[in-house]
Amino acid sequence: RYEDRRVVTPIREACEGPPVTCIGKVTLASFRRMRGRMSMLKVLV
């Protein structure tokens, strides 16, 4: 399949629903281990 990423959406205008393309800079990357073998990486863009 193909994904249409031609329209870049400002982060403030993003809303729940269909896929959007946003461009930004990483301001924080936080990794943590959770229960068992689970892990989570949270990144702020």
PDB file of all heavy atoms in Angstrom:
ATOM      1  N   ARG A   1       0.859  -1.189   0.000  1.00  0.00           N
ATOM      2  CA  ARG A   1       0.000   0.000   0.000  1.00  0.00           C
ATOM      3  C   ARG A   1       0.897   1.241   0.000  1.00  0.00           C
ATOM      4  O   ARG A   1       2.112   1.143   0.100  1.00  0.00           O
ATOM      5  CB  ARG A   1      -0.937   0.020   1.206  1.00  0.00           C
ATOM      6  CG  ARG A   1      -0.261   0.255   2.535  1.00  0.00           C
ATOM      7  CD  ARG A   1      -1.285   0.278   3.680  1.00  0.00           C
ATOM      8  NE  ARG A   1      -0.735   0.861   4.873  1.00  0.00           N
ATOM      9  CZ  ARG A   1       0.049   0.237   5.732  1.00  0.00           C
ATOM     10  NH1 ARG A   1       0.384  -1.016   5.531  1.00  0.00           N
ATOM     11  NH2 ARG A   1       0.493   0.851   6.812  1.00  0.00           N
ATOM     12  N   TYR A   2       0.257   2.401  -0.091  1.00  0.00           N
ATOM     13  CA  TYR A   2       0.967   3.673  -0.048  1.00  0.00           C
ATOM     14  C   TYR A   2       0.330   4.539   1.027  1.00  0.00           C
ATOM     15  O   TYR A   2      -0.880   4.492   1.235  1.00  0.00           O
ATOM     16  CB  TYR A   2       0.889   4.390  -1.399  1.00  0.00           C
ATOM     17  CG  TYR A   2       1.648   3.677  -2.493  1.00  0.00           C
ATOM     18  CD1 TYR A   2       1.035   2.704  -3.266  1.00  0.00           C
ATOM     19  CD2 TYR A   2       2.978   3.973  -2.736  1.00  0.00           C
ATOM     20  CE1 TYR A   2       1.721   2.041  -4.263  1.00  0.00           C
ATOM     21  CE2 TYR A   2       3.680   3.322  -3.731  1.00  0.00           C
ATOM     22  CZ  TYR A   2       3.048   2.354  -4.492  1.00  0.00           C
ATOM     23  OH  TYR A   2       3.737   1.697  -5.470  1.00  0.00           O
ATOM     24  N   GLU A   3       1.155   5.334   1.705  1.00  0.00           N
ATOM     25  CA  GLU A   3       0.644   6.286   2.691  1.00  0.00           C
ATOM     26  C   GLU A   3       0.866   7.693   2.149  1.00  0.00           C
ATOM     27  O   GLU A   3       1.970   8.038   1.729  1.00  0.00           O
ATOM     28  CB  GLU A   3       1.378   6.127   4.028  1.00  0.00           C
ATOM     29  CG  GLU A   3       1.096   4.807   4.701  1.00  0.00           C
ATOM     30  CD  GLU A   3       1.909   4.594   5.966  1.00  0.00           C
ATOM     31  OE1 GLU A   3       2.908   5.321   6.195  1.00  0.00           O
ATOM     32  OE2 GLU A   3       1.552   3.685   6.729  1.00  0.00           O
ATOM     33  N   ASP A   4      -0.187   8.493   2.185  1.00  0.00           N
ATOM     34  CA  ASP A   4      -0.105   9.865   1.689  1.00  0.00           C
ATOM     35  C   ASP A   4       0.360  10.776   2.824  1.00  0.00           C
ATOM     36  O   ASP A   4      -0.391  11.074   3.745  1.00  0.00           O
ATOM     37  CB  ASP A   4      -1.470  10.316   1.174  1.00  0.00           C
ATOM     38  CG  ASP A   4      -1.416  11.665   0.481  1.00  0.00           C
ATOM     39  OD1 ASP A   4      -0.345  12.316   0.502  1.00  0.00           O
ATOM     40  OD2 ASP A   4      -2.448  12.068  -0.086  1.00  0.00           O
ATOM     41  N   ARG A   5       1.616  11.183   2.744  1.00  0.00           N
ATOM     42  CA  ARG A   5       2.197  12.055   3.772  1.00  0.00           C
ATOM     43  C   ARG A   5       2.505  13.438   3.206  1.00  0.00           C
ATOM     44  O   ARG A   5       3.357  14.148   3.720  1.00  0.00           O
ATOM     45  CB  ARG A   5       3.473  11.424   4.325  1.00  0.00           C
ATOM     46  CG  ARG A   5       3.261  10.053   4.935  1.00  0.00           C
ATOM     47  CD  ARG A   5       4.541   9.519   5.504  1.00  0.00           C
ATOM     48  NE  ARG A   5       4.397   8.136   5.941  1.00  0.00           N
ATOM     49  CZ  ARG A   5       5.381   7.429   6.465  1.00  0.00           C
ATOM     50  NH1 ARG A   5       6.570   7.969   6.635  1.00  0.00           N
ATOM     51  NH2 ARG A   5       5.187   6.182   6.825  1.00  0.00           N
ATOM     52  N   ARG A   6       1.800  13.819   2.137  1.00  0.00           N
ATOM     53  CA  ARG A   6       2.101  15.091   1.477  1.00  0.00           C
ATOM     54  C   ARG A   6       1.689  16.305   2.296  1.00  0.00           C
ATOM     55  O   ARG A   6       2.317  17.347   2.202  1.00  0.00           O
ATOM     56  CB  ARG A   6       1.426  15.148   0.112  1.00  0.00           C
ATOM     57  CG  ARG A   6       2.039  14.187  -0.893  1.00  0.00           C
ATOM     58  CD  ARG A   6       1.299  14.216  -2.183  1.00  0.00           C
ATOM     59  NE  ARG A   6      -0.046  13.682  -1.952  1.00  0.00           N
ATOM     60  CZ  ARG A   6      -0.953  13.547  -2.885  1.00  0.00           C
ATOM     61  NH1 ARG A   6      -0.704  13.903  -4.114  1.00  0.00           N
ATOM     62  NH2 ARG A   6      -2.136  13.028  -2.600  1.00  0.00           N
ATOM     63  N   VAL A   7       0.639  16.196   3.068  1.00  0.00           N
ATOM     64  CA  VAL A   7       0.147  17.339   3.840  1.00  0.00           C
ATOM     65  C   VAL A   7       0.762  17.288   5.234  1.00  0.00           C
ATOM     66  O   VAL A   7       0.536  16.350   5.985  1.00  0.00           O
ATOM     67  CB  VAL A   7      -1.393  17.323   3.936  1.00  0.00           C
ATOM     68  CG1 VAL A   7      -1.882  18.468   4.797  1.00  0.00           C
ATOM     69  CG2 VAL A   7      -2.005  17.363   2.552  1.00  0.00           C
ATOM     70  N   VAL A   8       1.556  18.308   5.555  1.00  0.00           N
ATOM     71  CA  VAL A   8       2.182  18.391   6.869  1.00  0.00           C
ATOM     72  C   VAL A   8       1.276  19.225   7.769  1.00  0.00           C
ATOM     73  O   VAL A   8       0.925  20.356   7.445  1.00  0.00           O
ATOM     74  CB  VAL A   8       3.594  19.009   6.784  1.00  0.00           C
ATOM     75  CG1 VAL A   8       4.200  19.162   8.157  1.00  0.00           C
ATOM     76  CG2 VAL A   8       4.489  18.152   5.892  1.00  0.00           C
ATOM     77  N   THR A   9       0.880  18.640   8.896  1.00  0.00           N
ATOM     78  CA  THR A   9      -0.039  19.280   9.834  1.00  0.00           C
ATOM     79  C   THR A   9       0.736  19.858  11.010  1.00  0.00           C
ATOM     80  O   THR A   9       1.529  19.150  11.629  1.00  0.00           O
ATOM     81  CB  THR A   9      -1.051  18.246  10.366  1.00  0.00           C
ATOM     82  OG1 THR A   9      -1.723  17.656   9.255  1.00  0.00           O
ATOM     83  CG2 THR A   9      -2.055  18.877  11.308  1.00  0.00           C
ATOM     84  N   PRO A  10       0.529  21.147  11.347  1.00  0.00           N
ATOM     85  CA  PRO A  10       1.137  21.666  12.571  1.00  0.00           C
ATOM     86  C   PRO A  10       0.604  20.877  13.774  1.00  0.00           C
ATOM     87  O   PRO A  10      -0.564  20.477  13.800  1.00  0.00           O
ATOM     88  CB  PRO A  10       0.669  23.120  12.627  1.00  0.00           C
ATOM     89  CG  PRO A  10       0.305  23.455  11.214  1.00  0.00           C
ATOM     90  CD  PRO A  10      -0.196  22.176  10.609  1.00  0.00           C
ATOM     91  N   ILE A  11       1.446  20.652  14.756  1.00  0.00           N
ATOM     92  CA  ILE A  11       1.068  19.833  15.916  1.00  0.00           C
ATOM     93  C   ILE A  11      -0.191  20.364  16.595  1.00  0.00           C
ATOM     94  O   ILE A  11      -1.064  19.591  16.979  1.00  0.00           O
ATOM     95  CB  ILE A  11       2.253  19.710  16.896  1.00  0.00           C
ATOM     96  CG1 ILE A  11       3.343  18.843  16.253  1.00  0.00           C
ATOM     97  CG2 ILE A  11       1.799  19.135  18.232  1.00  0.00           C
ATOM     98  CD1 ILE A  11       4.632  18.773  17.036  1.00  0.00           C
ATOM     99  N   ARG A  12      -0.326  21.651  16.706  1.00  0.00           N
ATOM    100  CA  ARG A  12      -1.494  22.234  17.369  1.00  0.00           C
ATOM    101  C   ARG A  12      -2.793  21.888  16.644  1.00  0.00           C
ATOM    102  O   ARG A  12      -3.856  21.769  17.260  1.00  0.00           O
ATOM    103  CB  ARG A  12      -1.349  23.752  17.476  1.00  0.00           C
ATOM    104  CG  ARG A  12      -2.614  24.416  18.029  1.00  0.00           C
ATOM    105  CD  ARG A  12      -2.399  25.819  18.411  1.00  0.00           C
ATOM    106  NE  ARG A  12      -1.708  25.769  19.700  1.00  0.00           N
ATOM    107  CZ  ARG A  12      -1.074  26.780  20.251  1.00  0.00           C
ATOM    108  NH1 ARG A  12      -1.028  27.929  19.641  1.00  0.00           N
ATOM    109  NH2 ARG A  12      -0.488  26.662  21.402  1.00  0.00           N
ATOM    110  N   GLU A  13      -2.729  21.678  15.329  1.00  0.00           N
ATOM    111  CA  GLU A  13      -3.936  21.389  14.544  1.00  0.00           C
ATOM    112  C   GLU A  13      -4.241  19.891  14.446  1.00  0.00           C
ATOM    113  O   GLU A  13      -5.278  19.511  13.912  1.00  0.00           O
ATOM    114  CB  GLU A  13      -3.788  21.978  13.144  1.00  0.00           C
ATOM    115  CG  GLU A  13      -3.755  23.488  13.135  1.00  0.00           C
ATOM    116  CD  GLU A  13      -3.532  24.061  11.751  1.00  0.00           C
ATOM    117  OE1 GLU A  13      -3.755  23.339  10.757  1.00  0.00           O
ATOM    118  OE2 GLU A  13      -3.141  25.232  11.670  1.00  0.00           O
ATOM    119  N   ALA A  14      -3.357  19.051  14.956  1.00  0.00           N
ATOM    120  CA  ALA A  14      -3.601  17.601  14.927  1.00  0.00           C
ATOM    121  C   ALA A  14      -4.758  17.277  15.859  1.00  0.00           C
ATOM    122  O   ALA A  14      -4.890  17.854  16.939  1.00  0.00           O
ATOM    123  CB  ALA A  14      -2.348  16.847  15.355  1.00  0.00           C
ATOM    124  N   CYS A  15      -5.617  16.375  15.429  1.00  0.00           N
ATOM    125  CA  CYS A  15      -6.728  15.958  16.279  1.00  0.00           C
ATOM    126  C   CYS A  15      -6.945  14.462  16.095  1.00  0.00           C
ATOM    127  O   CYS A  15      -6.515  13.871  15.119  1.00  0.00           O
ATOM    128  CB  CYS A  15      -7.986  16.750  15.971  1.00  0.00           C
ATOM    129  SG  CYS A  15      -8.511  16.663  14.266  1.00  0.00           S
ATOM    130  N   GLU A  16      -7.633  13.879  17.052  1.00  0.00           N
ATOM    131  CA  GLU A  16      -7.884  12.437  17.021  1.00  0.00           C
ATOM    132  C   GLU A  16      -8.617  12.068  15.740  1.00  0.00           C
ATOM    133  O   GLU A  16      -9.540  12.753  15.325  1.00  0.00           O
ATOM    134  CB  GLU A  16      -8.696  12.018  18.243  1.00  0.00           C
ATOM    135  CG  GLU A  16      -8.837  10.522  18.365  1.00  0.00           C
ATOM    136  CD  GLU A  16      -9.509  10.109  19.665  1.00  0.00           C
ATOM    137  OE1 GLU A  16     -10.322  10.870  20.194  1.00  0.00           O
ATOM    138  OE2 GLU A  16      -9.198   9.008  20.128  1.00  0.00           O
ATOM    139  N   GLY A  17      -8.156  10.985  15.133  1.00  0.00           N
ATOM    140  CA  GLY A  17      -8.816  10.548  13.914  1.00  0.00           C
ATOM    141  C   GLY A  17      -7.845   9.957  12.927  1.00  0.00           C
ATOM    142  O   GLY A  17      -6.989   9.149  13.287  1.00  0.00           O
ATOM    143  N   PRO A  18      -7.964  10.377  11.669  1.00  0.00           N
ATOM    144  CA  PRO A  18      -7.139   9.776  10.615  1.00  0.00           C
ATOM    145  C   PRO A  18      -5.656  10.139  10.776  1.00  0.00           C
ATOM    146  O   PRO A  18      -5.316  11.106  11.467  1.00  0.00           O
ATOM    147  CB  PRO A  18      -7.720  10.372   9.329  1.00  0.00           C
ATOM    148  CG  PRO A  18      -8.363  11.634   9.746  1.00  0.00           C
ATOM    149  CD  PRO A  18      -8.856  11.406  11.151  1.00  0.00           C
ATOM    150  N   PRO A  19      -4.771   9.387  10.127  1.00  0.00           N
ATOM    151  CA  PRO A  19      -3.335   9.655  10.235  1.00  0.00           C
ATOM    152  C   PRO A  19      -2.966  11.048   9.725  1.00  0.00           C
ATOM    153  O   PRO A  19      -3.563  11.548   8.767  1.00  0.00           O
ATOM    154  CB  PRO A  19      -2.690   8.587   9.352  1.00  0.00           C
ATOM    155  CG  PRO A  19      -3.713   7.520   9.216  1.00  0.00           C
ATOM    156  CD  PRO A  19      -5.036   8.202   9.308  1.00  0.00           C
ATOM    157  N   VAL A  20      -1.995  11.659  10.393  1.00  0.00           N
ATOM    158  CA  VAL A  20      -1.463  12.961   9.994  1.00  0.00           C
ATOM    159  C   VAL A  20       0.059  12.894   9.990  1.00  0.00           C
ATOM    160  O   VAL A  20       0.663  12.028  10.619  1.00  0.00           O
ATOM    161  CB  VAL A  20      -1.923  14.101  10.930  1.00  0.00           C
ATOM    162  CG1 VAL A  20      -3.421  14.290  10.868  1.00  0.00           C
ATOM    163  CG2 VAL A  20      -1.464  13.882  12.347  1.00  0.00           C
ATOM    164  N   THR A  21       0.664  13.835   9.283  1.00  0.00           N
ATOM    165  CA  THR A  21       2.114  13.971   9.240  1.00  0.00           C
ATOM    166  C   THR A  21       2.488  15.232   9.992  1.00  0.00           C
ATOM    167  O   THR A  21       1.958  16.310   9.700  1.00  0.00           O
ATOM    168  CB  THR A  21       2.605  14.088   7.784  1.00  0.00           C
ATOM    169  OG1 THR A  21       2.176  12.935   7.061  1.00  0.00           O
ATOM    170  CG2 THR A  21       4.112  14.186   7.716  1.00  0.00           C
ATOM    171  N   CYS A  22       3.378  15.107  10.962  1.00  0.00           N
ATOM    172  CA  CYS A  22       3.880  16.253  11.710  1.00  0.00           C
ATOM    173  C   CYS A  22       5.403  16.250  11.649  1.00  0.00           C
ATOM    174  O   CYS A  22       6.023  15.184  11.654  1.00  0.00           O
ATOM    175  CB  CYS A  22       3.441  16.203  13.176  1.00  0.00           C
ATOM    176  SG  CYS A  22       1.663  16.312  13.423  1.00  0.00           S
ATOM    177  N   ILE A  23       5.989  17.426  11.592  1.00  0.00           N
ATOM    178  CA  ILE A  23       7.446  17.561  11.596  1.00  0.00           C
ATOM    179  C   ILE A  23       7.831  18.425  12.779  1.00  0.00           C
ATOM    180  O   ILE A  23       7.240  19.480  13.009  1.00  0.00           O
ATOM    181  CB  ILE A  23       7.946  18.215  10.292  1.00  0.00           C
ATOM    182  CG1 ILE A  23       7.557  17.367   9.093  1.00  0.00           C
ATOM    183  CG2 ILE A  23       9.457  18.419  10.343  1.00  0.00           C
ATOM    184  CD1 ILE A  23       7.905  17.990   7.756  1.00  0.00           C
ATOM    185  N   GLY A  24       8.810  17.968  13.540  1.00  0.00           N
ATOM    186  CA  GLY A  24       9.258  18.745  14.686  1.00  0.00           C
ATOM    187  C   GLY A  24      10.617  18.284  15.172  1.00  0.00           C
ATOM    188  O   GLY A  24      11.279  17.473  14.525  1.00  0.00           O
ATOM    189  N   LYS A  25      11.006  18.816  16.322  1.00  0.00           N
ATOM    190  CA  LYS A  25      12.276  18.431  16.939  1.00  0.00           C
ATOM    191  C   LYS A  25      12.006  17.660  18.210  1.00  0.00           C
ATOM    192  O   LYS A  25      11.055  17.950  18.946  1.00  0.00           O
ATOM    193  CB  LYS A  25      13.103  19.667  17.273  1.00  0.00           C
ATOM    194  CG  LYS A  25      13.739  20.299  16.070  1.00  0.00           C
ATOM    195  CD  LYS A  25      14.770  21.326  16.473  1.00  0.00           C
ATOM    196  CE  LYS A  25      15.447  21.846  15.218  1.00  0.00           C
ATOM    197  NZ  LYS A  25      16.564  22.716  15.516  1.00  0.00           N
ATOM    198  N   VAL A  26      12.857  16.694  18.470  1.00  0.00           N
ATOM    199  CA  VAL A  26      12.753  15.916  19.697  1.00  0.00           C
ATOM    200  C   VAL A  26      13.174  16.816  20.854  1.00  0.00           C
ATOM    201  O   VAL A  26      14.256  17.396  20.838  1.00  0.00           O
ATOM    202  CB  VAL A  26      13.660  14.663  19.632  1.00  0.00           C
ATOM    203  CG1 VAL A  26      13.647  13.923  20.948  1.00  0.00           C
ATOM    204  CG2 VAL A  26      13.227  13.758  18.493  1.00  0.00           C
ATOM    205  N   THR A  27      12.300  16.954  21.862  1.00  0.00           N
ATOM    206  CA  THR A  27      12.639  17.762  23.033  1.00  0.00           C
ATOM    207  C   THR A  27      12.910  16.899  24.260  1.00  0.00           C
ATOM    208  O   THR A  27      13.529  17.355  25.211  1.00  0.00           O
ATOM    209  CB  THR A  27      11.517  18.768  23.363  1.00  0.00           C
ATOM    210  OG1 THR A  27      10.308  18.046  23.604  1.00  0.00           O
ATOM    211  CG2 THR A  27      11.313  19.745  22.221  1.00  0.00           C
ATOM    212  N   LEU A  28      12.436  15.656  24.241  1.00  0.00           N
ATOM    213  CA  LEU A  28      12.653  14.750  25.365  1.00  0.00           C
ATOM    214  C   LEU A  28      12.469  13.315  24.882  1.00  0.00           C
ATOM    215  O   LEU A  28      11.567  13.033  24.102  1.00  0.00           O
ATOM    216  CB  LEU A  28      11.641  15.035  26.496  1.00  0.00           C
ATOM    217  CG  LEU A  28      11.675  14.096  27.692  1.00  0.00           C
ATOM    218  CD1 LEU A  28      12.878  14.415  28.564  1.00  0.00           C
ATOM    219  CD2 LEU A  28      10.404  14.205  28.498  1.00  0.00           C
ATOM    220  N   ALA A  29      13.348  12.431  25.354  1.00  0.00           N
ATOM    221  CA  ALA A  29      13.196  10.998  25.083  1.00  0.00           C
ATOM    222  C   ALA A  29      13.414  10.283  26.404  1.00  0.00           C
ATOM    223  O   ALA A  29      14.486  10.368  26.998  1.00  0.00           O
ATOM    224  CB  ALA A  29      14.201  10.535  24.038  1.00  0.00           C
ATOM    225  N   SER A  30      12.382   9.612  26.879  1.00  0.00           N
ATOM    226  CA  SER A  30      12.420   8.981  28.198  1.00  0.00           C
ATOM    227  C   SER A  30      12.082   7.494  28.068  1.00  0.00           C
ATOM    228  O   SER A  30      10.989   7.144  27.626  1.00  0.00           O
ATOM    229  CB  SER A  30      11.407   9.687  29.099  1.00  0.00           C
ATOM    230  OG  SER A  30      11.213   8.973  30.281  1.00  0.00           O
ATOM    231  N   PHE A  31      13.028   6.639  28.454  1.00  0.00           N
ATOM    232  CA  PHE A  31      12.834   5.188  28.387  1.00  0.00           C
ATOM    233  C   PHE A  31      12.651   4.650  29.789  1.00  0.00           C
ATOM    234  O   PHE A  31      13.349   5.059  30.717  1.00  0.00           O
ATOM    235  CB  PHE A  31      14.053   4.532  27.731  1.00  0.00           C
ATOM    236  CG  PHE A  31      13.980   3.032  27.725  1.00  0.00           C
ATOM    237  CD1 PHE A  31      13.214   2.372  26.788  1.00  0.00           C
ATOM    238  CD2 PHE A  31      14.673   2.290  28.653  1.00  0.00           C
ATOM    239  CE1 PHE A  31      13.137   0.991  26.776  1.00  0.00           C
ATOM    240  CE2 PHE A  31      14.609   0.909  28.656  1.00  0.00           C
ATOM    241  CZ  PHE A  31      13.839   0.261  27.717  1.00  0.00           C
ATOM    242  N   ARG A  32      11.710   3.714  29.940  1.00  0.00           N
ATOM    243  CA  ARG A  32      11.562   3.074  31.255  1.00  0.00           C
ATOM    244  C   ARG A  32      11.063   1.649  31.094  1.00  0.00           C
ATOM    245  O   ARG A  32      10.334   1.315  30.166  1.00  0.00           O
ATOM    246  CB  ARG A  32      10.634   3.874  32.163  1.00  0.00           C
ATOM    247  CG  ARG A  32       9.200   3.859  31.773  1.00  0.00           C
ATOM    248  CD  ARG A  32       8.368   4.737  32.716  1.00  0.00           C
ATOM    249  NE  ARG A  32       6.981   4.614  32.354  1.00  0.00           N
ATOM    250  CZ  ARG A  32       6.034   4.305  33.203  1.00  0.00           C
ATOM    251  NH1 ARG A  32       6.310   4.125  34.464  1.00  0.00           N
ATOM    252  NH2 ARG A  32       4.780   4.206  32.804  1.00  0.00           N
ATOM    253  N   ARG A  33      11.504   0.833  32.010  1.00  0.00           N
ATOM    254  CA  ARG A  33      11.046  -0.562  32.073  1.00  0.00           C
ATOM    255  C   ARG A  33       9.761  -0.590  32.878  1.00  0.00           C
ATOM    256  O   ARG A  33       9.608   0.104  33.870  1.00  0.00           O
ATOM    257  CB  ARG A  33      12.091  -1.435  32.751  1.00  0.00           C
ATOM    258  CG  ARG A  33      13.341  -1.536  31.929  1.00  0.00           C
ATOM    259  CD  ARG A  33      13.686  -2.986  31.684  1.00  0.00           C
ATOM    260  NE  ARG A  33      14.841  -3.077  30.816  1.00  0.00           N
ATOM    261  CZ  ARG A  33      14.770  -3.380  29.527  1.00  0.00           C
ATOM    262  NH1 ARG A  33      13.624  -3.645  28.974  1.00  0.00           N
ATOM    263  NH2 ARG A  33      15.851  -3.429  28.795  1.00  0.00           N
ATOM    264  N   MET A  34       8.861  -1.439  32.451  1.00  0.00           N
ATOM    265  CA  MET A  34       7.594  -1.576  33.155  1.00  0.00           C
ATOM    266  C   MET A  34       7.536  -2.981  33.735  1.00  0.00           C
ATOM    267  O   MET A  34       8.554  -3.645  33.845  1.00  0.00           O
ATOM    268  CB  MET A  34       6.452  -1.298  32.176  1.00  0.00           C
ATOM    269  CG  MET A  34       6.527   0.102  31.599  1.00  0.00           C
ATOM    270  SD  MET A  34       5.458   0.365  30.191  1.00  0.00           S
ATOM    271  CE  MET A  34       3.861   0.257  30.923  1.00  0.00           C
ATOM    272  N   ARG A  35       6.370  -3.436  34.088  1.00  0.00           N
ATOM    273  CA  ARG A  35       6.218  -4.781  34.656  1.00  0.00           C
ATOM    274  C   ARG A  35       6.723  -5.854  33.701  1.00  0.00           C
ATOM    275  O   ARG A  35       6.542  -5.756  32.494  1.00  0.00           O
ATOM    276  CB  ARG A  35       4.754  -5.069  34.955  1.00  0.00           C
ATOM    277  CG  ARG A  35       4.218  -4.274  36.081  1.00  0.00           C
ATOM    278  CD  ARG A  35       2.800  -4.716  36.363  1.00  0.00           C
ATOM    279  NE  ARG A  35       2.036  -3.517  36.642  1.00  0.00           N
ATOM    280  CZ  ARG A  35       0.790  -3.326  36.329  1.00  0.00           C
ATOM    281  NH1 ARG A  35       0.123  -4.258  35.710  1.00  0.00           N
ATOM    282  NH2 ARG A  35       0.186  -2.222  36.631  1.00  0.00           N
ATOM    283  N   GLY A  36       7.311  -6.875  34.273  1.00  0.00           N
ATOM    284  CA  GLY A  36       7.755  -8.008  33.467  1.00  0.00           C
ATOM    285  C   GLY A  36       8.776  -7.591  32.429  1.00  0.00           C
ATOM    286  O   GLY A  36       9.744  -6.926  32.723  1.00  0.00           O
ATOM    287  N   ARG A  37       8.508  -7.952  31.216  1.00  0.00           N
ATOM    288  CA  ARG A  37       9.437  -7.635  30.124  1.00  0.00           C
ATOM    289  C   ARG A  37       9.017  -6.400  29.336  1.00  0.00           C
ATOM    290  O   ARG A  37       9.596  -6.110  28.298  1.00  0.00           O
ATOM    291  CB  ARG A  37       9.532  -8.831  29.182  1.00  0.00           C
ATOM    292  CG  ARG A  37      10.153 -10.022  29.819  1.00  0.00           C
ATOM    293  CD  ARG A  37      10.277 -11.114  28.824  1.00  0.00           C
ATOM    294  NE  ARG A  37      11.158 -12.152  29.351  1.00  0.00           N
ATOM    295  CZ  ARG A  37      11.473 -13.231  28.708  1.00  0.00           C
ATOM    296  NH1 ARG A  37      10.974 -13.448  27.512  1.00  0.00           N
ATOM    297  NH2 ARG A  37      12.273 -14.115  29.246  1.00  0.00           N
ATOM    298  N   MET A  38       8.000  -5.718  29.769  1.00  0.00           N
ATOM    299  CA  MET A  38       7.498  -4.547  29.051  1.00  0.00           C
ATOM    300  C   MET A  38       8.440  -3.363  29.223  1.00  0.00           C
ATOM    301  O   MET A  38       9.045  -3.181  30.276  1.00  0.00           O
ATOM    302  CB  MET A  38       6.112  -4.149  29.563  1.00  0.00           C
ATOM    303  CG  MET A  38       5.019  -5.147  29.302  1.00  0.00           C
ATOM    304  SD  MET A  38       4.438  -5.102  27.622  1.00  0.00           S
ATOM    305  CE  MET A  38       3.637  -3.526  27.565  1.00  0.00           C
ATOM    306  N   SER A  39       8.540  -2.556  28.175  1.00  0.00           N
ATOM    307  CA  SER A  39       9.275  -1.306  28.252  1.00  0.00           C
ATOM    308  C   SER A  39       8.523  -0.256  27.451  1.00  0.00           C
ATOM    309  O   SER A  39       7.699  -0.579  26.588  1.00  0.00           O
ATOM    310  CB  SER A  39      10.700  -1.473  27.707  1.00  0.00           C
ATOM    311  OG  SER A  39      10.669  -1.786  26.340  1.00  0.00           O
ATOM    312  N   MET A  40       8.797   1.012  27.754  1.00  0.00           N
ATOM    313  CA  MET A  40       8.113   2.104  27.079  1.00  0.00           C
ATOM    314  C   MET A  40       9.103   3.230  26.812  1.00  0.00           C
ATOM    315  O   MET A  40       9.879   3.602  27.678  1.00  0.00           O
ATOM    316  CB  MET A  40       6.964   2.639  27.936  1.00  0.00           C
ATOM    317  CG  MET A  40       6.201   3.760  27.266  1.00  0.00           C
ATOM    318  SD  MET A  40       4.810   4.378  28.241  1.00  0.00           S
ATOM    319  CE  MET A  40       5.643   5.397  29.430  1.00  0.00           C
ATOM    320  N   LEU A  41       9.064   3.735  25.594  1.00  0.00           N
ATOM    321  CA  LEU A  41       9.838   4.917  25.222  1.00  0.00           C
ATOM    322  C   LEU A  41       8.838   6.020  24.929  1.00  0.00           C
ATOM    323  O   LEU A  41       7.950   5.853  24.088  1.00  0.00           O
ATOM    324  CB  LEU A  41      10.697   4.632  23.985  1.00  0.00           C
ATOM    325  CG  LEU A  41      11.454   5.823  23.406  1.00  0.00           C
ATOM    326  CD1 LEU A  41      12.494   6.338  24.403  1.00  0.00           C
ATOM    327  CD2 LEU A  41      12.121   5.435  22.093  1.00  0.00           C
ATOM    328  N   LYS A  42       8.962   7.129  25.658  1.00  0.00           N
ATOM    329  CA  LYS A  42       8.088   8.275  25.434  1.00  0.00           C
ATOM    330  C   LYS A  42       8.948   9.405  24.885  1.00  0.00           C
ATOM    331  O   LYS A  42       9.961   9.764  25.478  1.00  0.00           O
ATOM    332  CB  LYS A  42       7.404   8.710  26.731  1.00  0.00           C
ATOM    333  CG  LYS A  42       6.403   9.824  26.542  1.00  0.00           C
ATOM    334  CD  LYS A  42       5.659  10.111  27.820  1.00  0.00           C
ATOM    335  CE  LYS A  42       4.604  11.167  27.619  1.00  0.00           C
ATOM    336  NZ  LYS A  42       3.852  11.433  28.848  1.00  0.00           N
ATOM    337  N   VAL A  43       8.539   9.932  23.740  1.00  0.00           N
ATOM    338  CA  VAL A  43       9.289  10.981  23.060  1.00  0.00           C
ATOM    339  C   VAL A  43       8.381  12.184  22.878  1.00  0.00           C
ATOM    340  O   VAL A  43       7.238  12.040  22.433  1.00  0.00           O
ATOM    341  CB  VAL A  43       9.776  10.485  21.677  1.00  0.00           C
ATOM    342  CG1 VAL A  43      10.507  11.585  20.938  1.00  0.00           C
ATOM    343  CG2 VAL A  43      10.648   9.253  21.816  1.00  0.00           C
ATOM    344  N   LEU A  44       8.880  13.366  23.241  1.00  0.00           N
ATOM    345  CA  LEU A  44       8.135  14.592  22.989  1.00  0.00           C
ATOM    346  C   LEU A  44       8.696  15.248  21.739  1.00  0.00           C
ATOM    347  O   LEU A  44       9.917  15.435  21.616  1.00  0.00           O
ATOM    348  CB  LEU A  44       8.246  15.552  24.173  1.00  0.00           C
ATOM    349  CG  LEU A  44       7.630  15.072  25.488  1.00  0.00           C
ATOM    350  CD1 LEU A  44       7.773  16.147  26.559  1.00  0.00           C
ATOM    351  CD2 LEU A  44       6.173  14.687  25.310  1.00  0.00           C
ATOM    352  N   VAL A  45       7.806  15.585  20.816  1.00  0.00           N
ATOM    353  CA  VAL A  45       8.187  16.236  19.563  1.00  0.00           C
ATOM    354  C   VAL A  45       7.486  17.587  19.527  1.00  0.00           C
ATOM    355  O   VAL A  45       6.277  17.676  19.777  1.00  0.00           O
ATOM    356  CB  VAL A  45       7.768  15.375  18.347  1.00  0.00           C
ATOM    357  CG1 VAL A  45       8.071  16.087  17.044  1.00  0.00           C
ATOM    358  CG2 VAL A  45       8.456  14.020  18.390  1.00  0.00           C
TER     359      VAL A  45
END
